[in-house]
Amino acid sequence: LDLDLIDLDGVMRDAPDPILPHPRAHL
C-alpha cells in the first residue's frame, strides 16, 4: 500500500515533509 498526500486545500509547503502539493504528482 502507498498513500500519498497530493493536495491539502491548496497549501503550498516546501519543508518539512510533506511537501505540498506533492512534488511529482503533476508528472
mmCIF file of all heavy atoms, coordinates in Angstrom:
data_MODEL
# 
_entry.id   MODEL 
# 
loop_
_atom_site.group_PDB 
_atom_site.id 
_atom_site.type_symbol 
_atom_site.label_atom_id 
_atom_site.label_alt_id 
_atom_site.label_comp_id 
_atom_site.label_asym_id 
_atom_site.label_entity_id 
_atom_site.label_seq_id 
_atom_site.pdbx_PDB_ins_code 
_atom_site.Cartn_x 
_atom_site.Cartn_y 
_atom_site.Cartn_z 
_atom_site.occupancy 
_atom_site.B_iso_or_equiv 
_atom_site.pdbx_formal_charge 
_atom_site.auth_seq_id 
_atom_site.auth_comp_id 
_atom_site.auth_asym_id 
_atom_site.auth_atom_id 
_atom_site.pdbx_PDB_model_num 
ATOM 1   N N   . LEU A 1 1  ? 0.851  -1.189 0.000   1.00 0.00 ? 1  LEU A N   1 
ATOM 2   C CA  . LEU A 1 1  ? 0.000  0.000  0.000   1.00 0.00 ? 1  LEU A CA  1 
ATOM 3   C C   . LEU A 1 1  ? 0.883  1.233  0.000   1.00 0.00 ? 1  LEU A C   1 
ATOM 4   O O   . LEU A 1 1  ? 1.894  1.294  0.702   1.00 0.00 ? 1  LEU A O   1 
ATOM 5   C CB  . LEU A 1 1  ? -0.920 0.035  1.236   1.00 0.00 ? 1  LEU A CB  1 
ATOM 6   C CG  . LEU A 1 1  ? -1.873 1.236  1.313   1.00 0.00 ? 1  LEU A CG  1 
ATOM 7   C CD1 . LEU A 1 1  ? -2.866 1.245  0.140   1.00 0.00 ? 1  LEU A CD1 1 
ATOM 8   C CD2 . LEU A 1 1  ? -2.625 1.249  2.632   1.00 0.00 ? 1  LEU A CD2 1 
ATOM 9   N N   . ASP A 1 2  ? 0.475  2.209  -0.789  1.00 0.00 ? 2  ASP A N   1 
ATOM 10  C CA  . ASP A 1 2  ? 1.138  3.507  -0.837  1.00 0.00 ? 2  ASP A CA  1 
ATOM 11  C C   . ASP A 1 2  ? 0.045  4.567  -0.791  1.00 0.00 ? 2  ASP A C   1 
ATOM 12  O O   . ASP A 1 2  ? -0.869 4.547  -1.621  1.00 0.00 ? 2  ASP A O   1 
ATOM 13  C CB  . ASP A 1 2  ? 1.954  3.629  -2.125  1.00 0.00 ? 2  ASP A CB  1 
ATOM 14  C CG  . ASP A 1 2  ? 2.821  4.866  -2.171  1.00 0.00 ? 2  ASP A CG  1 
ATOM 15  O OD1 . ASP A 1 2  ? 3.179  5.396  -1.105  1.00 0.00 ? 2  ASP A OD1 1 
ATOM 16  O OD2 . ASP A 1 2  ? 3.152  5.310  -3.291  1.00 0.00 ? 2  ASP A OD2 1 
ATOM 17  N N   . LEU A 1 3  ? 0.127  5.451  0.186   1.00 0.00 ? 3  LEU A N   1 
ATOM 18  C CA  . LEU A 1 3  ? -0.803 6.574  0.304   1.00 0.00 ? 3  LEU A CA  1 
ATOM 19  C C   . LEU A 1 3  ? 0.006  7.854  0.226   1.00 0.00 ? 3  LEU A C   1 
ATOM 20  O O   . LEU A 1 3  ? 0.896  8.075  1.055   1.00 0.00 ? 3  LEU A O   1 
ATOM 21  C CB  . LEU A 1 3  ? -1.563 6.513  1.640   1.00 0.00 ? 3  LEU A CB  1 
ATOM 22  C CG  . LEU A 1 3  ? -2.437 5.282  1.863   1.00 0.00 ? 3  LEU A CG  1 
ATOM 23  C CD1 . LEU A 1 3  ? -3.012 5.287  3.274   1.00 0.00 ? 3  LEU A CD1 1 
ATOM 24  C CD2 . LEU A 1 3  ? -3.552 5.208  0.825   1.00 0.00 ? 3  LEU A CD2 1 
ATOM 25  N N   . ASP A 1 4  ? -0.291 8.681  -0.759  1.00 0.00 ? 4  ASP A N   1 
ATOM 26  C CA  . ASP A 1 4  ? 0.434  9.940  -0.934  1.00 0.00 ? 4  ASP A CA  1 
ATOM 27  C C   . ASP A 1 4  ? -0.520 11.116 -0.800  1.00 0.00 ? 4  ASP A C   1 
ATOM 28  O O   . ASP A 1 4  ? -1.571 11.152 -1.465  1.00 0.00 ? 4  ASP A O   1 
ATOM 29  C CB  . ASP A 1 4  ? 1.103  10.004 -2.314  1.00 0.00 ? 4  ASP A CB  1 
ATOM 30  C CG  . ASP A 1 4  ? 2.325  9.123  -2.422  1.00 0.00 ? 4  ASP A CG  1 
ATOM 31  O OD1 . ASP A 1 4  ? 3.004  8.903  -1.397  1.00 0.00 ? 4  ASP A OD1 1 
ATOM 32  O OD2 . ASP A 1 4  ? 2.603  8.656  -3.536  1.00 0.00 ? 4  ASP A OD2 1 
ATOM 33  N N   . LEU A 1 5  ? -0.134 12.068 0.019   1.00 0.00 ? 5  LEU A N   1 
ATOM 34  C CA  . LEU A 1 5  ? -0.881 13.316 0.157   1.00 0.00 ? 5  LEU A CA  1 
ATOM 35  C C   . LEU A 1 5  ? -0.530 14.182 -1.043  1.00 0.00 ? 5  LEU A C   1 
ATOM 36  O O   . LEU A 1 5  ? 0.612  14.630 -1.184  1.00 0.00 ? 5  LEU A O   1 
ATOM 37  C CB  . LEU A 1 5  ? -0.512 13.997 1.478   1.00 0.00 ? 5  LEU A CB  1 
ATOM 38  C CG  . LEU A 1 5  ? -1.165 15.335 1.776   1.00 0.00 ? 5  LEU A CG  1 
ATOM 39  C CD1 . LEU A 1 5  ? -2.687 15.257 1.730   1.00 0.00 ? 5  LEU A CD1 1 
ATOM 40  C CD2 . LEU A 1 5  ? -0.685 15.845 3.139   1.00 0.00 ? 5  LEU A CD2 1 
ATOM 41  N N   . ILE A 1 6  ? -1.491 14.393 -1.920  1.00 0.00 ? 6  ILE A N   1 
ATOM 42  C CA  . ILE A 1 6  ? -1.263 15.137 -3.161  1.00 0.00 ? 6  ILE A CA  1 
ATOM 43  C C   . ILE A 1 6  ? -1.537 16.622 -2.955  1.00 0.00 ? 6  ILE A C   1 
ATOM 44  O O   . ILE A 1 6  ? -0.761 17.467 -3.374  1.00 0.00 ? 6  ILE A O   1 
ATOM 45  C CB  . ILE A 1 6  ? -2.143 14.583 -4.305  1.00 0.00 ? 6  ILE A CB  1 
ATOM 46  C CG1 . ILE A 1 6  ? -1.870 13.082 -4.516  1.00 0.00 ? 6  ILE A CG1 1 
ATOM 47  C CG2 . ILE A 1 6  ? -1.949 15.391 -5.582  1.00 0.00 ? 6  ILE A CG2 1 
ATOM 48  C CD1 . ILE A 1 6  ? -0.442 12.726 -4.858  1.00 0.00 ? 6  ILE A CD1 1 
ATOM 49  N N   . ASP A 1 7  ? -2.644 16.946 -2.303  1.00 0.00 ? 7  ASP A N   1 
ATOM 50  C CA  . ASP A 1 7  ? -3.014 18.345 -2.084  1.00 0.00 ? 7  ASP A CA  1 
ATOM 51  C C   . ASP A 1 7  ? -3.813 18.438 -0.791  1.00 0.00 ? 7  ASP A C   1 
ATOM 52  O O   . ASP A 1 7  ? -4.614 17.558 -0.472  1.00 0.00 ? 7  ASP A O   1 
ATOM 53  C CB  . ASP A 1 7  ? -3.837 18.862 -3.263  1.00 0.00 ? 7  ASP A CB  1 
ATOM 54  C CG  . ASP A 1 7  ? -4.085 20.368 -3.217  1.00 0.00 ? 7  ASP A CG  1 
ATOM 55  O OD1 . ASP A 1 7  ? -3.365 21.089 -2.492  1.00 0.00 ? 7  ASP A OD1 1 
ATOM 56  O OD2 . ASP A 1 7  ? -5.008 20.831 -3.919  1.00 0.00 ? 7  ASP A OD2 1 
ATOM 57  N N   . LEU A 1 8  ? -3.576 19.515 -0.067  1.00 0.00 ? 8  LEU A N   1 
ATOM 58  C CA  . LEU A 1 8  ? -4.287 19.778 1.184   1.00 0.00 ? 8  LEU A CA  1 
ATOM 59  C C   . LEU A 1 8  ? -4.840 21.198 1.105   1.00 0.00 ? 8  LEU A C   1 
ATOM 60  O O   . LEU A 1 8  ? -4.202 22.159 1.512   1.00 0.00 ? 8  LEU A O   1 
ATOM 61  C CB  . LEU A 1 8  ? -3.332 19.625 2.378   1.00 0.00 ? 8  LEU A CB  1 
ATOM 62  C CG  . LEU A 1 8  ? -3.896 19.888 3.776   1.00 0.00 ? 8  LEU A CG  1 
ATOM 63  C CD1 . LEU A 1 8  ? -5.058 18.957 4.086   1.00 0.00 ? 8  LEU A CD1 1 
ATOM 64  C CD2 . LEU A 1 8  ? -2.810 19.738 4.820   1.00 0.00 ? 8  LEU A CD2 1 
ATOM 65  N N   . ASP A 1 9  ? -5.992 21.299 0.454   1.00 0.00 ? 9  ASP A N   1 
ATOM 66  C CA  . ASP A 1 9  ? -6.681 22.586 0.315   1.00 0.00 ? 9  ASP A CA  1 
ATOM 67  C C   . ASP A 1 9  ? -5.795 23.682 -0.262  1.00 0.00 ? 9  ASP A C   1 
ATOM 68  O O   . ASP A 1 9  ? -5.877 24.843 0.146   1.00 0.00 ? 9  ASP A O   1 
ATOM 69  C CB  . ASP A 1 9  ? -7.274 23.028 1.657   1.00 0.00 ? 9  ASP A CB  1 
ATOM 70  C CG  . ASP A 1 9  ? -8.467 22.175 2.058   1.00 0.00 ? 9  ASP A CG  1 
ATOM 71  O OD1 . ASP A 1 9  ? -9.208 21.739 1.161   1.00 0.00 ? 9  ASP A OD1 1 
ATOM 72  O OD2 . ASP A 1 9  ? -8.654 21.942 3.261   1.00 0.00 ? 9  ASP A OD2 1 
ATOM 73  N N   . GLY A 1 10 ? -4.917 23.318 -1.204  1.00 0.00 ? 10 GLY A N   1 
ATOM 74  C CA  . GLY A 1 10 ? -4.093 24.311 -1.872  1.00 0.00 ? 10 GLY A CA  1 
ATOM 75  C C   . GLY A 1 10 ? -2.907 24.816 -1.080  1.00 0.00 ? 10 GLY A C   1 
ATOM 76  O O   . GLY A 1 10 ? -2.218 25.740 -1.511  1.00 0.00 ? 10 GLY A O   1 
ATOM 77  N N   . VAL A 1 11 ? -2.633 24.202 0.079   1.00 0.00 ? 11 VAL A N   1 
ATOM 78  C CA  . VAL A 1 11 ? -1.478 24.609 0.879   1.00 0.00 ? 11 VAL A CA  1 
ATOM 79  C C   . VAL A 1 11 ? -0.207 24.392 0.070   1.00 0.00 ? 11 VAL A C   1 
ATOM 80  O O   . VAL A 1 11 ? -0.053 23.356 -0.589  1.00 0.00 ? 11 VAL A O   1 
ATOM 81  C CB  . VAL A 1 11 ? -1.414 23.805 2.204   1.00 0.00 ? 11 VAL A CB  1 
ATOM 82  C CG1 . VAL A 1 11 ? -0.083 23.990 2.919   1.00 0.00 ? 11 VAL A CG1 1 
ATOM 83  C CG2 . VAL A 1 11 ? -2.577 24.181 3.104   1.00 0.00 ? 11 VAL A CG2 1 
ATOM 84  N N   . MET A 1 12 ? 0.681  25.377 0.115   1.00 0.00 ? 12 MET A N   1 
ATOM 85  C CA  . MET A 1 12 ? 1.998  25.231 -0.517  1.00 0.00 ? 12 MET A CA  1 
ATOM 86  C C   . MET A 1 12 ? 3.034  25.216 0.592   1.00 0.00 ? 12 MET A C   1 
ATOM 87  O O   . MET A 1 12 ? 3.064  26.098 1.442   1.00 0.00 ? 12 MET A O   1 
ATOM 88  C CB  . MET A 1 12 ? 2.243  26.367 -1.509  1.00 0.00 ? 12 MET A CB  1 
ATOM 89  C CG  . MET A 1 12 ? 1.361  26.231 -2.737  1.00 0.00 ? 12 MET A CG  1 
ATOM 90  S SD  . MET A 1 12 ? 1.800  27.352 -4.065  1.00 0.00 ? 12 MET A SD  1 
ATOM 91  C CE  . MET A 1 12 ? 0.978  28.838 -3.535  1.00 0.00 ? 12 MET A CE  1 
ATOM 92  N N   . ARG A 1 13 ? 3.873  24.177 0.555   1.00 0.00 ? 13 ARG A N   1 
ATOM 93  C CA  . ARG A 1 13 ? 4.830  23.945 1.641   1.00 0.00 ? 13 ARG A CA  1 
ATOM 94  C C   . ARG A 1 13 ? 6.050  23.246 1.063   1.00 0.00 ? 13 ARG A C   1 
ATOM 95  O O   . ARG A 1 13 ? 5.935  22.200 0.438   1.00 0.00 ? 13 ARG A O   1 
ATOM 96  C CB  . ARG A 1 13 ? 4.087  23.101 2.679   1.00 0.00 ? 13 ARG A CB  1 
ATOM 97  C CG  . ARG A 1 13 ? 4.850  22.566 3.813   1.00 0.00 ? 13 ARG A CG  1 
ATOM 98  C CD  . ARG A 1 13 ? 3.877  21.765 4.680   1.00 0.00 ? 13 ARG A CD  1 
ATOM 99  N NE  . ARG A 1 13 ? 4.578  20.807 5.467   1.00 0.00 ? 13 ARG A NE  1 
ATOM 100 C CZ  . ARG A 1 13 ? 4.460  20.670 6.770   1.00 0.00 ? 13 ARG A CZ  1 
ATOM 101 N NH1 . ARG A 1 13 ? 3.633  21.437 7.431   1.00 0.00 ? 13 ARG A NH1 1 
ATOM 102 N NH2 . ARG A 1 13 ? 5.143  19.765 7.412   1.00 0.00 ? 13 ARG A NH2 1 
ATOM 103 N N   . ASP A 1 14 ? 7.227  23.859 1.289   1.00 0.00 ? 14 ASP A N   1 
ATOM 104 C CA  . ASP A 1 14 ? 8.467  23.290 0.761   1.00 0.00 ? 14 ASP A CA  1 
ATOM 105 C C   . ASP A 1 14 ? 9.171  22.381 1.757   1.00 0.00 ? 14 ASP A C   1 
ATOM 106 O O   . ASP A 1 14 ? 9.961  21.539 1.361   1.00 0.00 ? 14 ASP A O   1 
ATOM 107 C CB  . ASP A 1 14 ? 9.413  24.401 0.328   1.00 0.00 ? 14 ASP A CB  1 
ATOM 108 C CG  . ASP A 1 14 ? 8.863  25.153 -0.873  1.00 0.00 ? 14 ASP A CG  1 
ATOM 109 O OD1 . ASP A 1 14 ? 8.281  24.507 -1.762  1.00 0.00 ? 14 ASP A OD1 1 
ATOM 110 O OD2 . ASP A 1 14 ? 9.001  26.386 -0.917  1.00 0.00 ? 14 ASP A OD2 1 
ATOM 111 N N   . ALA A 1 15 ? 8.929  22.574 3.040   1.00 0.00 ? 15 ALA A N   1 
ATOM 112 C CA  . ALA A 1 15 ? 9.551  21.763 4.082   1.00 0.00 ? 15 ALA A CA  1 
ATOM 113 C C   . ALA A 1 15 ? 8.867  22.084 5.392   1.00 0.00 ? 15 ALA A C   1 
ATOM 114 O O   . ALA A 1 15 ? 8.265  23.145 5.525   1.00 0.00 ? 15 ALA A O   1 
ATOM 115 C CB  . ALA A 1 15 ? 11.054 22.044 4.167   1.00 0.00 ? 15 ALA A CB  1 
ATOM 116 N N   . PRO A 1 16 ? 8.905  21.238 6.369   1.00 0.00 ? 16 PRO A N   1 
ATOM 117 C CA  . PRO A 1 16 ? 9.365  19.845 6.315   1.00 0.00 ? 16 PRO A CA  1 
ATOM 118 C C   . PRO A 1 16 ? 8.326  18.978 5.621   1.00 0.00 ? 16 PRO A C   1 
ATOM 119 O O   . PRO A 1 16 ? 7.316  19.490 5.140   1.00 0.00 ? 16 PRO A O   1 
ATOM 120 C CB  . PRO A 1 16 ? 9.492  19.485 7.802   1.00 0.00 ? 16 PRO A CB  1 
ATOM 121 C CG  . PRO A 1 16 ? 8.420  20.308 8.462   1.00 0.00 ? 16 PRO A CG  1 
ATOM 122 C CD  . PRO A 1 16 ? 8.376  21.605 7.679   1.00 0.00 ? 16 PRO A CD  1 
ATOM 123 N N   . ASP A 1 17 ? 8.589  17.666 5.601   1.00 0.00 ? 17 ASP A N   1 
ATOM 124 C CA  . ASP A 1 17 ? 7.615  16.755 4.993   1.00 0.00 ? 17 ASP A CA  1 
ATOM 125 C C   . ASP A 1 17 ? 6.271  16.893 5.678   1.00 0.00 ? 17 ASP A C   1 
ATOM 126 O O   . ASP A 1 17 ? 6.226  17.076 6.879   1.00 0.00 ? 17 ASP A O   1 
ATOM 127 C CB  . ASP A 1 17 ? 8.105  15.297 5.104   1.00 0.00 ? 17 ASP A CB  1 
ATOM 128 C CG  . ASP A 1 17 ? 9.019  14.906 3.960   1.00 0.00 ? 17 ASP A CG  1 
ATOM 129 O OD1 . ASP A 1 17 ? 9.047  15.620 2.952   1.00 0.00 ? 17 ASP A OD1 1 
ATOM 130 O OD2 . ASP A 1 17 ? 9.690  13.871 4.086   1.00 0.00 ? 17 ASP A OD2 1 
ATOM 131 N N   . PRO A 1 18 ? 5.199  16.809 4.918   1.00 0.00 ? 18 PRO A N   1 
ATOM 132 C CA  . PRO A 1 18 ? 5.132  16.581 3.486   1.00 0.00 ? 18 PRO A CA  1 
ATOM 133 C C   . PRO A 1 18 ? 5.281  17.878 2.688   1.00 0.00 ? 18 PRO A C   1 
ATOM 134 O O   . PRO A 1 18 ? 4.785  18.926 3.084   1.00 0.00 ? 18 PRO A O   1 
ATOM 135 C CB  . PRO A 1 18 ? 3.736  16.008 3.298   1.00 0.00 ? 18 PRO A CB  1 
ATOM 136 C CG  . PRO A 1 18 ? 2.914  16.682 4.359   1.00 0.00 ? 18 PRO A CG  1 
ATOM 137 C CD  . PRO A 1 18 ? 3.851  16.840 5.526   1.00 0.00 ? 18 PRO A CD  1 
ATOM 138 N N   . ILE A 1 19 ? 5.940  17.767 1.554   1.00 0.00 ? 19 ILE A N   1 
ATOM 139 C CA  . ILE A 1 19 ? 5.997  18.873 0.609   1.00 0.00 ? 19 ILE A CA  1 
ATOM 140 C C   . ILE A 1 19 ? 4.641  18.926 -0.082  1.00 0.00 ? 19 ILE A C   1 
ATOM 141 O O   . ILE A 1 19 ? 4.115  17.892 -0.498  1.00 0.00 ? 19 ILE A O   1 
ATOM 142 C CB  . ILE A 1 19 ? 7.134  18.661 -0.409  1.00 0.00 ? 19 ILE A CB  1 
ATOM 143 C CG1 . ILE A 1 19 ? 8.481  18.657 0.311   1.00 0.00 ? 19 ILE A CG1 1 
ATOM 144 C CG2 . ILE A 1 19 ? 7.086  19.715 -1.509  1.00 0.00 ? 19 ILE A CG2 1 
ATOM 145 C CD1 . ILE A 1 19 ? 9.642  18.204 -0.547  1.00 0.00 ? 19 ILE A CD1 1 
ATOM 146 N N   . LEU A 1 20 ? 4.072  20.122 -0.172  1.00 0.00 ? 20 LEU A N   1 
ATOM 147 C CA  . LEU A 1 20 ? 2.744  20.278 -0.774  1.00 0.00 ? 20 LEU A CA  1 
ATOM 148 C C   . LEU A 1 20 ? 2.759  21.385 -1.807  1.00 0.00 ? 20 LEU A C   1 
ATOM 149 O O   . LEU A 1 20 ? 3.392  22.417 -1.577  1.00 0.00 ? 20 LEU A O   1 
ATOM 150 C CB  . LEU A 1 20 ? 1.709  20.577 0.299   1.00 0.00 ? 20 LEU A CB  1 
ATOM 151 C CG  . LEU A 1 20 ? 1.422  19.432 1.269   1.00 0.00 ? 20 LEU A CG  1 
ATOM 152 C CD1 . LEU A 1 20 ? 0.579  19.909 2.425   1.00 0.00 ? 20 LEU A CD1 1 
ATOM 153 C CD2 . LEU A 1 20 ? 0.737  18.291 0.525   1.00 0.00 ? 20 LEU A CD2 1 
ATOM 154 N N   . PRO A 1 21 ? 2.018  21.188 -2.918  1.00 0.00 ? 21 PRO A N   1 
ATOM 155 C CA  . PRO A 1 21 ? 1.434  19.906 -3.308  1.00 0.00 ? 21 PRO A CA  1 
ATOM 156 C C   . PRO A 1 21 ? 2.538  18.874 -3.555  1.00 0.00 ? 21 PRO A C   1 
ATOM 157 O O   . PRO A 1 21 ? 3.710  19.233 -3.630  1.00 0.00 ? 21 PRO A O   1 
ATOM 158 C CB  . PRO A 1 21 ? 0.672  20.230 -4.588  1.00 0.00 ? 21 PRO A CB  1 
ATOM 159 C CG  . PRO A 1 21 ? 1.356  21.438 -5.135  1.00 0.00 ? 21 PRO A CG  1 
ATOM 160 C CD  . PRO A 1 21 ? 1.877  22.202 -3.956  1.00 0.00 ? 21 PRO A CD  1 
ATOM 161 N N   . HIS A 1 22 ? 2.133  17.630 -3.682  1.00 0.00 ? 22 HIS A N   1 
ATOM 162 C CA  . HIS A 1 22 ? 3.117  16.557 -3.886  1.00 0.00 ? 22 HIS A CA  1 
ATOM 163 C C   . HIS A 1 22 ? 4.050  16.966 -5.025  1.00 0.00 ? 22 HIS A C   1 
ATOM 164 O O   . HIS A 1 22 ? 3.591  17.386 -6.100  1.00 0.00 ? 22 HIS A O   1 
ATOM 165 C CB  . HIS A 1 22 ? 2.399  15.255 -4.222  1.00 0.00 ? 22 HIS A CB  1 
ATOM 166 C CG  . HIS A 1 22 ? 3.299  14.065 -4.255  1.00 0.00 ? 22 HIS A CG  1 
ATOM 167 N ND1 . HIS A 1 22 ? 4.157  13.826 -5.303  1.00 0.00 ? 22 HIS A ND1 1 
ATOM 168 C CD2 . HIS A 1 22 ? 3.486  13.063 -3.375  1.00 0.00 ? 22 HIS A CD2 1 
ATOM 169 C CE1 . HIS A 1 22 ? 4.831  12.714 -5.070  1.00 0.00 ? 22 HIS A CE1 1 
ATOM 170 N NE2 . HIS A 1 22 ? 4.443  12.226 -3.901  1.00 0.00 ? 22 HIS A NE2 1 
ATOM 171 N N   . PRO A 1 23 ? 5.361  16.855 -4.827  1.00 0.00 ? 23 PRO A N   1 
ATOM 172 C CA  . PRO A 1 23 ? 6.307  17.417 -5.793  1.00 0.00 ? 23 PRO A CA  1 
ATOM 173 C C   . PRO A 1 23 ? 6.369  16.742 -7.161  1.00 0.00 ? 23 PRO A C   1 
ATOM 174 O O   . PRO A 1 23 ? 6.895  17.332 -8.103  1.00 0.00 ? 23 PRO A O   1 
ATOM 175 C CB  . PRO A 1 23 ? 7.658  17.301 -5.072  1.00 0.00 ? 23 PRO A CB  1 
ATOM 176 C CG  . PRO A 1 23 ? 7.477  16.220 -4.074  1.00 0.00 ? 23 PRO A CG  1 
ATOM 177 C CD  . PRO A 1 23 ? 6.031  16.277 -3.653  1.00 0.00 ? 23 PRO A CD  1 
ATOM 178 N N   . ARG A 1 24 ? 5.847  15.537 -7.300  1.00 0.00 ? 24 ARG A N   1 
ATOM 179 C CA  . ARG A 1 24 ? 5.908  14.854 -8.598  1.00 0.00 ? 24 ARG A CA  1 
ATOM 180 C C   . ARG A 1 24 ? 4.529  14.506 -9.156  1.00 0.00 ? 24 ARG A C   1 
ATOM 181 O O   . ARG A 1 24 ? 4.429  13.941 -10.242 1.00 0.00 ? 24 ARG A O   1 
ATOM 182 C CB  . ARG A 1 24 ? 6.770  13.583 -8.493  1.00 0.00 ? 24 ARG A CB  1 
ATOM 183 C CG  . ARG A 1 24 ? 8.254  13.895 -8.272  1.00 0.00 ? 24 ARG A CG  1 
ATOM 184 C CD  . ARG A 1 24 ? 9.086  12.683 -7.935  1.00 0.00 ? 24 ARG A CD  1 
ATOM 185 N NE  . ARG A 1 24 ? 8.628  11.938 -6.756  1.00 0.00 ? 24 ARG A NE  1 
ATOM 186 C CZ  . ARG A 1 24 ? 8.805  12.322 -5.488  1.00 0.00 ? 24 ARG A CZ  1 
ATOM 187 N NH1 . ARG A 1 24 ? 9.416  13.445 -5.220  1.00 0.00 ? 24 ARG A NH1 1 
ATOM 188 N NH2 . ARG A 1 24 ? 8.356  11.578 -4.491  1.00 0.00 ? 24 ARG A NH2 1 
ATOM 189 N N   . ALA A 1 25 ? 3.481  14.862 -8.461  1.00 0.00 ? 25 ALA A N   1 
ATOM 190 C CA  . ALA A 1 25 ? 2.132  14.488 -8.900  1.00 0.00 ? 25 ALA A CA  1 
ATOM 191 C C   . ALA A 1 25 ? 1.825  14.992 -10.305 1.00 0.00 ? 25 ALA A C   1 
ATOM 192 O O   . ALA A 1 25 ? 1.192  14.288 -11.100 1.00 0.00 ? 25 ALA A O   1 
ATOM 193 C CB  . ALA A 1 25 ? 1.091  15.015 -7.921  1.00 0.00 ? 25 ALA A CB  1 
ATOM 194 N N   . HIS A 1 26 ? 2.266  16.187 -10.627 1.00 0.00 ? 26 HIS A N   1 
ATOM 195 C CA  . HIS A 1 26 ? 1.953  16.790 -11.922 1.00 0.00 ? 26 HIS A CA  1 
ATOM 196 C C   . HIS A 1 26 ? 2.632  16.098 -13.099 1.00 0.00 ? 26 HIS A C   1 
ATOM 197 O O   . HIS A 1 26 ? 2.287  16.345 -14.251 1.00 0.00 ? 26 HIS A O   1 
ATOM 198 C CB  . HIS A 1 26 ? 2.314  18.281 -11.914 1.00 0.00 ? 26 HIS A CB  1 
ATOM 199 C CG  . HIS A 1 26 ? 3.771  18.554 -11.799 1.00 0.00 ? 26 HIS A CG  1 
ATOM 200 N ND1 . HIS A 1 26 ? 4.475  18.392 -10.625 1.00 0.00 ? 26 HIS A ND1 1 
ATOM 201 C CD2 . HIS A 1 26 ? 4.676  18.955 -12.729 1.00 0.00 ? 26 HIS A CD2 1 
ATOM 202 C CE1 . HIS A 1 26 ? 5.736  18.702 -10.825 1.00 0.00 ? 26 HIS A CE1 1 
ATOM 203 N NE2 . HIS A 1 26 ? 5.891  19.052 -12.097 1.00 0.00 ? 26 HIS A NE2 1 
ATOM 204 N N   . LEU A 1 27 ? 3.562  15.197 -12.813 1.00 0.00 ? 27 LEU A N   1 
ATOM 205 C CA  . LEU A 1 27 ? 4.300  14.489 -13.858 1.00 0.00 ? 27 LEU A CA  1 
ATOM 206 C C   . LEU A 1 27 ? 3.783  13.076 -14.094 1.00 0.00 ? 27 LEU A C   1 
ATOM 207 O O   . LEU A 1 27 ? 4.241  12.410 -15.031 1.00 0.00 ? 27 LEU A O   1 
ATOM 208 C CB  . LEU A 1 27 ? 5.784  14.401 -13.473 1.00 0.00 ? 27 LEU A CB  1 
ATOM 209 C CG  . LEU A 1 27 ? 6.485  15.730 -13.218 1.00 0.00 ? 27 LEU A CG  1 
ATOM 210 C CD1 . LEU A 1 27 ? 7.880  15.491 -12.651 1.00 0.00 ? 27 LEU A CD1 1 
ATOM 211 C CD2 . LEU A 1 27 ? 6.537  16.559 -14.484 1.00 0.00 ? 27 LEU A CD2 1 
# 
